[in-house]
Amino acid sequence: MTAVLDALSDGAGSLAEVGRRTGLRADVVQAAAEQLVRMGRAQDCVLQFGCPAKGCGGCALSCALRR
């Protein structure tokens, strides 16, 4: 789990990328990630690419840019 957490902390943006960085099998990465979420050490979130269909203003980036 430490290798998975380290990869996530170092900026791995997906579980596939965690697997590439750590050399762990996908099922091991998935299980470790699920355990880290249960322990409160990581968050399960979906990253959205591109702008929403209804236009700008609803994503985390737009919130950060308003500050």
Protein backbone atom coordinates (compact mmCIF):
# COMPACT_ATOMS: atom_id res chain seq x y z
CA MET A 1 0.00 0.00 0.00
CA THR A 2 2.90 2.34 0.67
CA ALA A 3 4.08 2.16 -2.95
CA VAL A 4 0.57 2.96 -4.19
CA LEU A 5 0.17 5.86 -1.78
CA ASP A 6 3.61 7.18 -2.71
CA ALA A 7 2.79 7.05 -6.42
CA LEU A 8 -0.49 8.88 -5.84
CA SER A 9 1.28 11.48 -3.70
CA ASP A 10 3.87 11.94 -6.43
CA GLY A 11 1.16 12.83 -8.94
CA ALA A 12 0.03 9.59 -10.56
CA GLY A 13 -3.31 10.52 -12.09
CA SER A 14 -4.81 7.08 -12.52
CA LEU A 15 -4.54 3.57 -11.17
CA ALA A 16 -3.03 2.51 -14.50
CA GLU A 17 -0.29 5.09 -14.00
CA VAL A 18 0.24 3.87 -10.43
CA GLY A 19 0.72 0.39 -11.86
CA ARG A 20 3.29 1.64 -14.39
CA ARG A 21 5.20 3.56 -11.74
CA THR A 22 5.20 0.79 -9.17
CA GLY A 23 5.35 -2.30 -11.38
CA LEU A 24 2.41 -3.79 -9.48
CA ARG A 25 -0.37 -5.77 -11.18
CA ALA A 26 -3.63 -3.91 -11.80
CA ASP A 27 -5.59 -6.05 -9.31
CA VAL A 28 -3.02 -5.34 -6.57
CA VAL A 29 -3.13 -1.60 -7.29
CA GLN A 30 -6.95 -1.65 -7.24
CA ALA A 31 -7.08 -3.53 -3.94
CA ALA A 32 -4.50 -1.22 -2.33
CA ALA A 33 -6.33 1.87 -3.57
CA GLU A 34 -9.66 0.60 -2.22
CA GLN A 35 -8.06 -0.07 1.16
CA LEU A 36 -6.46 3.39 1.22
CA VAL A 37 -9.88 4.93 0.54
CA ARG A 38 -11.47 2.86 3.35
CA MET A 39 -8.68 4.01 5.70
CA GLY A 40 -9.22 7.65 4.75
CA ARG A 41 -5.70 7.97 3.32
CA ALA A 42 -6.89 8.56 -0.26
CA GLN A 43 -10.00 9.80 -2.03
CA ASP A 44 -11.85 8.11 -4.84
CA CYS A 45 -12.66 10.74 -7.42
CA VAL A 46 -13.45 10.96 -11.10
CA LEU A 47 -11.42 13.41 -13.11
CA GLN A 48 -13.24 15.23 -15.87
CA PHE A 49 -11.38 16.25 -18.98
CA GLY A 50 -12.62 19.09 -21.11
CA CYS A 51 -15.37 21.56 -20.46
CA PRO A 52 -18.87 20.53 -19.38
CA ALA A 53 -21.60 20.56 -22.04
CA LYS A 54 -23.43 23.43 -20.28
CA GLY A 55 -20.36 25.66 -20.47
CA CYS A 56 -17.76 26.97 -18.10
CA GLY A 57 -18.16 27.60 -14.42
CA GLY A 58 -18.82 24.28 -12.74
CA CYS A 59 -15.48 22.55 -12.37
CA ALA A 60 -12.75 22.80 -9.75
CA LEU A 61 -10.50 24.75 -12.12
CA SER A 62 -13.09 27.46 -12.64
CA CYS A 63 -13.52 27.74 -8.86
CA ALA A 64 -9.77 28.13 -8.41
CA LEU A 65 -9.58 30.78 -11.12
CA ARG A 66 -12.26 32.92 -9.42
CA ARG A 67 -10.09 33.52 -6.36
